[in-house]
């Protein structure tokens, strides 16, 4: 099955995060998004960001992308599906 490369624009309140990138300890934005995508897809999904943030830093309009073979969710509807699985301090604002 061919894969799709999807771009999402996200916003988050970084107060309770130790930064963007997955780390051994602490809650990260990348980790929260990847966990939500894994619950949706049933397999691990790696998310890449156009930039990283440090501990406590907020973002509004950060661009991320990931590859998936799932085609049951239209690209334009990913923000709705993913937001249903994300905590309130992380939102997909555009897909």
PDB file of N, CA and C in Angstrom:
ATOM      1  N   UNK A   1       0.857  -1.178   0.000  1.00  0.00           N
ATOM      2  CA  UNK A   1       0.000   0.000   0.000  1.00  0.00           C
ATOM      3  C   UNK A   1       0.903   1.241   0.000  1.00  0.00           C
ATOM      4  N   UNK A   2       0.651   2.190  -0.878  1.00  0.00           N
ATOM      5  CA  UNK A   2       1.480   3.409  -0.904  1.00  0.00           C
ATOM      6  C   UNK A   2       1.234   4.271   0.333  1.00  0.00           C
ATOM      7  N   UNK A   3       2.258   4.990   0.719  1.00  0.00           N
ATOM      8  CA  UNK A   3       2.116   5.855   1.890  1.00  0.00           C
ATOM      9  C   UNK A   3       1.864   7.292   1.467  1.00  0.00           C
ATOM     10  N   UNK A   4       1.248   8.021   2.375  1.00  0.00           N
ATOM     11  CA  UNK A   4       1.003   9.453   2.181  1.00  0.00           C
ATOM     12  C   UNK A   4       1.873  10.216   3.160  1.00  0.00           C
ATOM     13  N   UNK A   5       2.350  11.365   2.733  1.00  0.00           N
ATOM     14  CA  UNK A   5       3.099  12.261   3.609  1.00  0.00           C
ATOM     15  C   UNK A   5       2.152  13.402   3.972  1.00  0.00           C
ATOM     16  N   UNK A   6       1.762  13.476   5.226  1.00  0.00           N
ATOM     17  CA  UNK A   6       0.777  14.466   5.657  1.00  0.00           C
ATOM     18  C   UNK A   6       1.426  15.583   6.453  1.00  0.00           C
ATOM     19  N   UNK A   7       1.002  16.795   6.166  1.00  0.00           N
ATOM     20  CA  UNK A   7       1.464  17.988   6.882  1.00  0.00           C
ATOM     21  C   UNK A   7       0.332  18.472   7.772  1.00  0.00           C
ATOM     22  N   UNK A   8       0.660  18.780   9.016  1.00  0.00           N
ATOM     23  CA  UNK A   8      -0.299  19.348   9.956  1.00  0.00           C
ATOM     24  C   UNK A   8       0.295  20.605  10.563  1.00  0.00           C
ATOM     25  N   UNK A   9      -0.558  21.540  10.901  1.00  0.00           N
ATOM     26  CA  UNK A   9      -0.141  22.728  11.641  1.00  0.00           C
ATOM     27  C   UNK A   9      -0.728  22.603  13.036  1.00  0.00           C
ATOM     28  N   UNK A  10       0.135  22.754  14.041  1.00  0.00           N
ATOM     29  CA  UNK A  10      -0.303  22.536  15.418  1.00  0.00           C
ATOM     30  C   UNK A  10      -0.063  23.774  16.279  1.00  0.00           C
ATOM     31  N   UNK A  11      -0.746  23.788  17.405  1.00  0.00           N
ATOM     32  CA  UNK A  11      -0.538  24.810  18.436  1.00  0.00           C
ATOM     33  C   UNK A  11      -0.540  24.085  19.772  1.00  0.00           C
ATOM     34  N   UNK A  12       0.256  24.585  20.711  1.00  0.00           N
ATOM     35  CA  UNK A  12       0.253  23.969  22.034  1.00  0.00           C
ATOM     36  C   UNK A  12       0.707  24.942  23.105  1.00  0.00           C
ATOM     37  N   UNK A  13       0.219  24.662  24.304  1.00  0.00           N
ATOM     38  CA  UNK A  13       0.639  25.365  25.512  1.00  0.00           C
ATOM     39  C   UNK A  13       1.762  24.521  26.105  1.00  0.00           C
ATOM     40  N   UNK A  14       2.972  25.012  26.065  1.00  0.00           N
ATOM     41  CA  UNK A  14       4.134  24.243  26.478  1.00  0.00           C
ATOM     42  C   UNK A  14       4.398  24.191  27.971  1.00  0.00           C
ATOM     43  N   UNK A  15       3.516  24.773  28.770  1.00  0.00           N
ATOM     44  CA  UNK A  15       3.733  24.850  30.215  1.00  0.00           C
ATOM     45  C   UNK A  15       4.093  23.504  30.838  1.00  0.00           C
ATOM     46  N   UNK A  16       3.370  22.458  30.474  1.00  0.00           N
ATOM     47  CA  UNK A  16       3.563  21.147  31.099  1.00  0.00           C
ATOM     48  C   UNK A  16       4.418  20.192  30.269  1.00  0.00           C
ATOM     49  N   UNK A  17       5.171  20.730  29.308  1.00  0.00           N
ATOM     50  CA  UNK A  17       6.021  19.898  28.458  1.00  0.00           C
ATOM     51  C   UNK A  17       7.495  20.200  28.717  1.00  0.00           C
ATOM     52  N   UNK A  18       8.339  19.182  28.522  1.00  0.00           N
ATOM     53  CA  UNK A  18       9.785  19.381  28.643  1.00  0.00           C
ATOM     54  C   UNK A  18      10.404  19.733  27.288  1.00  0.00           C
ATOM     55  N   UNK A  19       9.561  20.024  26.311  1.00  0.00           N
ATOM     56  CA  UNK A  19      10.016  20.409  24.984  1.00  0.00           C
ATOM     57  C   UNK A  19       9.315  19.607  23.904  1.00  0.00           C
ATOM     58  N   UNK A  20       9.774  19.794  22.661  1.00  0.00           N
ATOM     59  CA  UNK A  20       9.188  19.095  21.515  1.00  0.00           C
ATOM     60  C   UNK A  20       9.628  17.643  21.465  1.00  0.00           C
ATOM     61  N   UNK A  21      10.921  17.403  21.444  1.00  0.00           N
ATOM     62  CA  UNK A  21      11.499  16.107  21.115  1.00  0.00           C
ATOM     63  C   UNK A  21      11.302  15.068  22.210  1.00  0.00           C
ATOM     64  N   UNK A  22      10.964  13.835  21.789  1.00  0.00           N
ATOM     65  CA  UNK A  22      10.810  12.725  22.726  1.00  0.00           C
ATOM     66  C   UNK A  22      12.088  12.561  23.542  1.00  0.00           C
ATOM     67  N   UNK A  23      11.907  12.405  24.852  1.00  0.00           N
ATOM     68  CA  UNK A  23      13.025  12.209  25.775  1.00  0.00           C
ATOM     69  C   UNK A  23      12.715  11.014  26.671  1.00  0.00           C
ATOM     70  N   UNK A  24      13.725  10.529  27.341  1.00  0.00           N
ATOM     71  CA  UNK A  24      13.527   9.372  28.226  1.00  0.00           C
ATOM     72  C   UNK A  24      12.599   9.699  29.382  1.00  0.00           C
ATOM     73  N   UNK A  25      12.684  10.910  29.875  1.00  0.00           N
ATOM     74  CA  UNK A  25      11.821  11.308  30.987  1.00  0.00           C
ATOM     75  C   UNK A  25      11.107  12.598  30.620  1.00  0.00           C
ATOM     76  N   UNK A  26       9.905  12.743  31.099  1.00  0.00           N
ATOM     77  CA  UNK A  26       9.148  13.972  30.877  1.00  0.00           C
ATOM     78  C   UNK A  26       8.188  13.869  29.707  1.00  0.00           C
ATOM     79  N   UNK A  27       7.175  14.663  29.785  1.00  0.00           N
ATOM     80  CA  UNK A  27       6.125  14.728  28.763  1.00  0.00           C
ATOM     81  C   UNK A  27       6.586  15.644  27.637  1.00  0.00           C
ATOM     82  N   UNK A  28       6.516  15.158  26.383  1.00  0.00           N
ATOM     83  CA  UNK A  28       6.932  15.967  25.237  1.00  0.00           C
ATOM     84  C   UNK A  28       5.794  16.095  24.238  1.00  0.00           C
ATOM     85  N   UNK A  29       5.823  17.158  23.457  1.00  0.00           N
ATOM     86  CA  UNK A  29       4.790  17.380  22.446  1.00  0.00           C
ATOM     87  C   UNK A  29       4.850  16.277  21.394  1.00  0.00           C
ATOM     88  N   UNK A  30       6.039  15.963  20.906  1.00  0.00           N
ATOM     89  CA  UNK A  30       6.192  14.905  19.912  1.00  0.00           C
ATOM     90  C   UNK A  30       5.650  13.580  20.450  1.00  0.00           C
ATOM     91  N   UNK A  31       5.959  13.268  21.688  1.00  0.00           N
ATOM     92  CA  UNK A  31       5.486  12.027  22.288  1.00  0.00           C
ATOM     93  C   UNK A  31       3.976  11.954  22.389  1.00  0.00           C
ATOM     94  N   UNK A  32       3.347  13.044  22.789  1.00  0.00           N
ATOM     95  CA  UNK A  32       1.886  13.088  22.913  1.00  0.00           C
ATOM     96  C   UNK A  32       1.233  12.884  21.543  1.00  0.00           C
ATOM     97  N   UNK A  33       1.762  13.543  20.517  1.00  0.00           N
ATOM     98  CA  UNK A  33       1.194  13.417  19.169  1.00  0.00           C
ATOM     99  C   UNK A  33       1.418  12.010  18.623  1.00  0.00           C
ATOM    100  N   UNK A  34       2.614  11.475  18.794  1.00  0.00           N
ATOM    101  CA  UNK A  34       2.891  10.124  18.302  1.00  0.00           C
ATOM    102  C   UNK A  34       2.031   9.087  19.011  1.00  0.00           C
ATOM    103  N   UNK A  35       1.809   9.248  20.306  1.00  0.00           N
ATOM    104  CA  UNK A  35       0.938   8.328  21.046  1.00  0.00           C
ATOM    105  C   UNK A  35      -0.490   8.378  20.504  1.00  0.00           C
ATOM    106  N   UNK A  36      -0.988   9.578  20.228  1.00  0.00           N
ATOM    107  CA  UNK A  36      -2.343   9.725  19.689  1.00  0.00           C
ATOM    108  C   UNK A  36      -2.443   9.097  18.302  1.00  0.00           C
ATOM    109  N   UNK A  37      -1.436   9.324  17.464  1.00  0.00           N
ATOM    110  CA  UNK A  37      -1.440   8.725  16.125  1.00  0.00           C
ATOM    111  C   UNK A  37      -1.360   7.203  16.198  1.00  0.00           C
ATOM    112  N   UNK A  38      -0.589   6.682  17.136  1.00  0.00           N
ATOM    113  CA  UNK A  38      -0.497   5.226  17.281  1.00  0.00           C
ATOM    114  C   UNK A  38      -1.842   4.635  17.695  1.00  0.00           C
ATOM    115  N   UNK A  39      -2.555   5.316  18.578  1.00  0.00           N
ATOM    116  CA  UNK A  39      -3.896   4.848  18.964  1.00  0.00           C
ATOM    117  C   UNK A  39      -4.836   4.867  17.759  1.00  0.00           C
ATOM    118  N   UNK A  40      -4.722   5.887  16.909  1.00  0.00           N
ATOM    119  CA  UNK A  40      -5.580   5.994  15.727  1.00  0.00           C
ATOM    120  C   UNK A  40      -5.242   4.950  14.672  1.00  0.00           C
ATOM    121  N   UNK A  41      -3.943   4.714  14.449  1.00  0.00           N
ATOM    122  CA  UNK A  41      -3.497   3.862  13.348  1.00  0.00           C
ATOM    123  C   UNK A  41      -3.303   2.400  13.735  1.00  0.00           C
ATOM    124  N   UNK A  42      -3.020   2.153  15.003  1.00  0.00           N
ATOM    125  CA  UNK A  42      -2.755   0.793  15.426  1.00  0.00           C
ATOM    126  C   UNK A  42      -1.309   0.367  15.241  1.00  0.00           C
ATOM    127  N   UNK A  43      -0.445   1.307  14.899  1.00  0.00           N
ATOM    128  CA  UNK A  43       0.991   1.038  14.761  1.00  0.00           C
ATOM    129  C   UNK A  43       1.745   2.337  15.015  1.00  0.00           C
ATOM    130  N   UNK A  44       3.037   2.240  15.372  1.00  0.00           N
ATOM    131  CA  UNK A  44       3.823   3.452  15.667  1.00  0.00           C
ATOM    132  C   UNK A  44       3.951   4.372  14.450  1.00  0.00           C
ATOM    133  N   UNK A  45       3.876   5.667  14.708  1.00  0.00           N
ATOM    134  CA  UNK A  45       4.035   6.695  13.674  1.00  0.00           C
ATOM    135  C   UNK A  45       5.049   7.709  14.199  1.00  0.00           C
ATOM    136  N   UNK A  46       6.070   7.996  13.400  1.00  0.00           N
ATOM    137  CA  UNK A  46       7.067   8.994  13.781  1.00  0.00           C
ATOM    138  C   UNK A  46       6.690  10.337  13.180  1.00  0.00           C
ATOM    139  N   UNK A  47       6.690  11.366  14.006  1.00  0.00           N
ATOM    140  CA  UNK A  47       6.329  12.721  13.589  1.00  0.00           C
ATOM    141  C   UNK A  47       7.597  13.571  13.539  1.00  0.00           C
ATOM    142  N   UNK A  48       7.704  14.385  12.499  1.00  0.00           N
ATOM    143  CA  UNK A  48       8.845  15.290  12.327  1.00  0.00           C
ATOM    144  C   UNK A  48       8.352  16.727  12.383  1.00  0.00           C
ATOM    145  N   UNK A  49       9.164  17.608  12.946  1.00  0.00           N
ATOM    146  CA  UNK A  49       8.781  19.018  13.078  1.00  0.00           C
ATOM    147  C   UNK A  49       9.724  19.907  12.296  1.00  0.00           C
ATOM    148  N   UNK A  50       9.198  21.030  11.836  1.00  0.00           N
ATOM    149  CA  UNK A  50      10.015  22.018  11.131  1.00  0.00           C
ATOM    150  C   UNK A  50      10.947  22.731  12.101  1.00  0.00           C
ATOM    151  N   UNK A  51      10.668  22.649  13.386  1.00  0.00           N
ATOM    152  CA  UNK A  51      11.506  23.263  14.418  1.00  0.00           C
ATOM    153  C   UNK A  51      11.188  22.626  15.755  1.00  0.00           C
ATOM    154  N   UNK A  52      12.046  22.828  16.719  1.00  0.00           N
ATOM    155  CA  UNK A  52      11.834  22.259  18.047  1.00  0.00           C
ATOM    156  C   UNK A  52      11.698  23.384  19.062  1.00  0.00           C
ATOM    157  N   UNK A  53      11.013  23.057  20.145  1.00  0.00           N
ATOM    158  CA  UNK A  53      10.897  24.022  21.234  1.00  0.00           C
ATOM    159  C   UNK A  53      11.485  23.418  22.503  1.00  0.00           C
ATOM    160  N   UNK A  54      11.867  24.288  23.413  1.00  0.00           N
ATOM    161  CA  UNK A  54      12.429  23.870  24.693  1.00  0.00           C
ATOM    162  C   UNK A  54      11.325  23.753  25.740  1.00  0.00           C
ATOM    163  N   UNK A  55      11.708  23.385  26.921  1.00  0.00           N
ATOM    164  CA  UNK A  55      10.788  23.220  28.027  1.00  0.00           C
ATOM    165  C   UNK A  55      10.003  24.503  28.294  1.00  0.00           C
ATOM    166  N   UNK A  56       8.669  24.355  28.417  1.00  0.00           N
ATOM    167  CA  UNK A  56       7.813  25.479  28.760  1.00  0.00           C
ATOM    168  C   UNK A  56       7.478  26.431  27.632  1.00  0.00           C
ATOM    169  N   UNK A  57       7.977  26.179  26.431  1.00  0.00           N
ATOM    170  CA  UNK A  57       7.751  27.090  25.298  1.00  0.00           C
ATOM    171  C   UNK A  57       6.454  26.719  24.588  1.00  0.00           C
ATOM    172  N   UNK A  58       5.659  27.726  24.236  1.00  0.00           N
ATOM    173  CA  UNK A  58       4.394  27.535  23.524  1.00  0.00           C
ATOM    174  C   UNK A  58       4.629  27.656  22.021  1.00  0.00           C
ATOM    175  N   UNK A  59       3.675  27.137  21.250  1.00  0.00           N
ATOM    176  CA  UNK A  59       3.756  27.264  19.789  1.00  0.00           C
ATOM    177  C   UNK A  59       2.367  27.531  19.232  1.00  0.00           C
ATOM    178  N   UNK A  60       2.333  28.315  18.181  1.00  0.00           N
ATOM    179  CA  UNK A  60       1.092  28.614  17.471  1.00  0.00           C
ATOM    180  C   UNK A  60       1.428  28.647  15.987  1.00  0.00           C
ATOM    181  N   UNK A  61       1.191  27.538  15.305  1.00  0.00           N
ATOM    182  CA  UNK A  61       1.496  27.471  13.882  1.00  0.00           C
ATOM    183  C   UNK A  61       2.723  26.637  13.555  1.00  0.00           C
ATOM    184  N   UNK A  62       3.117  25.731  14.448  1.00  0.00           N
ATOM    185  CA  UNK A  62       4.260  24.856  14.169  1.00  0.00           C
ATOM    186  C   UNK A  62       3.848  23.812  13.133  1.00  0.00           C
ATOM    187  N   UNK A  63       4.706  23.593  12.144  1.00  0.00           N
ATOM    188  CA  UNK A  63       4.431  22.642  11.069  1.00  0.00           C
ATOM    189  C   UNK A  63       5.099  21.309  11.394  1.00  0.00           C
ATOM    190  N   UNK A  64       4.311  20.236  11.272  1.00  0.00           N
ATOM    191  CA  UNK A  64       4.826  18.884  11.474  1.00  0.00           C
ATOM    192  C   UNK A  64       4.400  18.018  10.293  1.00  0.00           C
ATOM    193  N   UNK A  65       5.062  16.872  10.137  1.00  0.00           N
ATOM    194  CA  UNK A  65       4.625  15.927   9.113  1.00  0.00           C
ATOM    195  C   UNK A  65       4.904  14.501   9.557  1.00  0.00           C
ATOM    196  N   UNK A  66       4.214  13.568   8.907  1.00  0.00           N
ATOM    197  CA  UNK A  66       4.413  12.143   9.147  1.00  0.00           C
ATOM    198  C   UNK A  66       3.928  11.378   7.924  1.00  0.00           C
ATOM    199  N   UNK A  67       4.401  10.152   7.795  1.00  0.00           N
ATOM    200  CA  UNK A  67       3.981   9.277   6.707  1.00  0.00           C
ATOM    201  C   UNK A  67       3.035   8.220   7.270  1.00  0.00           C
ATOM    202  N   UNK A  68       2.028   7.862   6.461  1.00  0.00           N
ATOM    203  CA  UNK A  68       1.083   6.832   6.868  1.00  0.00           C
ATOM    204  C   UNK A  68       0.562   6.089   5.646  1.00  0.00           C
ATOM    205  N   UNK A  69       0.205   4.834   5.854  1.00  0.00           N
ATOM    206  CA  UNK A  69      -0.429   4.048   4.799  1.00  0.00           C
ATOM    207  C   UNK A  69      -1.946   4.019   4.974  1.00  0.00           C
ATOM    208  N   UNK A  70      -2.429   4.592   6.057  1.00  0.00           N
ATOM    209  CA  UNK A  70      -3.870   4.645   6.315  1.00  0.00           C
ATOM    210  C   UNK A  70      -4.506   5.640   5.348  1.00  0.00           C
ATOM    211  N   UNK A  71      -5.533   5.188   4.622  1.00  0.00           N
ATOM    212  CA  UNK A  71      -6.206   6.106   3.703  1.00  0.00           C
ATOM    213  C   UNK A  71      -7.682   6.299   4.055  1.00  0.00           C
ATOM    214  N   UNK A  72      -8.107   5.760   5.206  1.00  0.00           N
ATOM    215  CA  UNK A  72      -9.511   5.869   5.599  1.00  0.00           C
ATOM    216  C   UNK A  72      -9.870   7.252   6.146  1.00  0.00           C
ATOM    217  N   UNK A  73      -8.863   8.051   6.494  1.00  0.00           N
ATOM    218  CA  UNK A  73      -9.107   9.414   6.974  1.00  0.00           C
ATOM    219  C   UNK A  73      -8.631  10.376   5.891  1.00  0.00           C
ATOM    220  N   UNK A  74      -9.535  11.165   5.302  1.00  0.00           N
ATOM    221  CA  UNK A  74      -9.105  12.138   4.289  1.00  0.00           C
ATOM    222  C   UNK A  74      -8.121  13.143   4.891  1.00  0.00           C
ATOM    223  N   UNK A  75      -7.151  13.539   4.102  1.00  0.00           N
ATOM    224  CA  UNK A  75      -6.121  14.477   4.577  1.00  0.00           C
ATOM    225  C   UNK A  75      -6.728  15.713   5.224  1.00  0.00           C
ATOM    226  N   UNK A  76      -7.762  16.262   4.610  1.00  0.00           N
ATOM    227  CA  UNK A  76      -8.373  17.500   5.107  1.00  0.00           C
ATOM    228  C   UNK A  76      -9.131  17.298   6.419  1.00  0.00           C
ATOM    229  N   UNK A  77      -9.357  16.049   6.824  1.00  0.00           N
ATOM    230  CA  UNK A  77     -10.101  15.765   8.055  1.00  0.00           C
ATOM    231  C   UNK A  77      -9.216  15.271   9.195  1.00  0.00           C
ATOM    232  N   UNK A  78      -7.917  15.175   8.957  1.00  0.00           N
ATOM    233  CA  UNK A  78      -7.024  14.656   9.997  1.00  0.00           C
ATOM    234  C   UNK A  78      -7.059  15.495  11.272  1.00  0.00           C
ATOM    235  N   UNK A  79      -7.241  16.802  11.133  1.00  0.00           N
ATOM    236  CA  UNK A  79      -7.258  17.644  12.332  1.00  0.00           C
ATOM    237  C   UNK A  79      -8.412  17.267  13.256  1.00  0.00           C
ATOM    238  N   UNK A  80      -9.543  16.919  12.695  1.00  0.00           N
ATOM    239  CA  UNK A  80     -10.700  16.538  13.505  1.00  0.00           C
ATOM    240  C   UNK A  80     -10.432  15.211  14.211  1.00  0.00           C
ATOM    241  N   UNK A  81      -9.960  14.229  13.456  1.00  0.00           N
ATOM    242  CA  UNK A  81      -9.703  12.904  14.019  1.00  0.00           C
ATOM    243  C   UNK A  81      -8.614  12.946  15.087  1.00  0.00           C
ATOM    244  N   UNK A  82      -7.526  13.648  14.807  1.00  0.00           N
ATOM    245  CA  UNK A  82      -6.414  13.673  15.753  1.00  0.00           C
ATOM    246  C   UNK A  82      -6.744  14.488  16.998  1.00  0.00           C
ATOM    247  N   UNK A  83      -7.448  15.603  16.837  1.00  0.00           N
ATOM    248  CA  UNK A  83      -7.820  16.411  18.008  1.00  0.00           C
ATOM    249  C   UNK A  83      -8.675  15.619  18.995  1.00  0.00           C
ATOM    250  N   UNK A  84      -9.453  14.665  18.493  1.00  0.00           N
ATOM    251  CA  UNK A  84     -10.275  13.832  19.372  1.00  0.00           C
ATOM    252  C   UNK A  84      -9.414  12.947  20.271  1.00  0.00           C
ATOM    253  N   UNK A  85      -8.160  12.704  19.867  1.00  0.00           N
ATOM    254  CA  UNK A  85      -7.257  11.848  20.639  1.00  0.00           C
ATOM    255  C   UNK A  85      -6.186  12.617  21.403  1.00  0.00           C
ATOM    256  N   UNK A  86      -6.125  13.920  21.199  1.00  0.00           N
ATOM    257  CA  UNK A  86      -5.085  14.733  21.837  1.00  0.00           C
ATOM    258  C   UNK A  86      -5.591  15.387  23.123  1.00  0.00           C
ATOM    259  N   UNK A  87      -4.696  15.659  24.062  1.00  0.00           N
ATOM    260  CA  UNK A  87      -5.090  16.397  25.264  1.00  0.00           C
ATOM    261  C   UNK A  87      -5.385  17.856  24.915  1.00  0.00           C
ATOM    262  N   UNK A  88      -6.081  18.573  25.783  1.00  0.00           N
ATOM    263  CA  UNK A  88      -6.485  19.953  25.483  1.00  0.00           C
ATOM    264  C   UNK A  88      -5.335  20.931  25.258  1.00  0.00           C
ATOM    265  N   UNK A  89      -4.137  20.621  25.742  1.00  0.00           N
ATOM    266  CA  UNK A  89      -3.036  21.572  25.569  1.00  0.00           C
ATOM    267  C   UNK A  89      -2.267  21.389  24.261  1.00  0.00           C
ATOM    268  N   UNK A  90      -2.725  20.472  23.403  1.00  0.00           N
ATOM    269  CA  UNK A  90      -2.159  20.298  22.060  1.00  0.00           C
ATOM    270  C   UNK A  90      -3.317  20.231  21.073  1.00  0.00           C
ATOM    271  N   UNK A  91      -3.288  21.064  20.044  1.00  0.00           N
ATOM    272  CA  UNK A  91      -4.348  21.104  19.039  1.00  0.00           C
ATOM    273  C   UNK A  91      -3.746  21.097  17.641  1.00  0.00           C
ATOM    274  N   UNK A  92      -4.408  20.378  16.738  1.00  0.00           N
ATOM    275  CA  UNK A  92      -4.096  20.480  15.318  1.00  0.00           C
ATOM    276  C   UNK A  92      -5.016  21.567  14.783  1.00  0.00           C
ATOM    277  N   UNK A  93      -4.438  22.630  14.241  1.00  0.00           N
ATOM    278  CA  UNK A  93      -5.255  23.753  13.774  1.00  0.00           C
ATOM    279  C   UNK A  93      -5.521  23.690  12.278  1.00  0.00           C
ATOM    280  N   UNK A  94      -4.733  22.881  11.554  1.00  0.00           N
ATOM    281  CA  UNK A  94      -4.958  22.762  10.116  1.00  0.00           C
ATOM    282  C   UNK A  94      -4.325  21.469   9.614  1.00  0.00           C
ATOM    283  N   UNK A  95      -5.050  20.808   8.710  1.00  0.00           N
ATOM    284  CA  UNK A  95      -4.488  19.611   8.080  1.00  0.00           C
ATOM    285  C   UNK A  95      -4.598  19.731   6.571  1.00  0.00           C
TER     286      UNK A  95
END
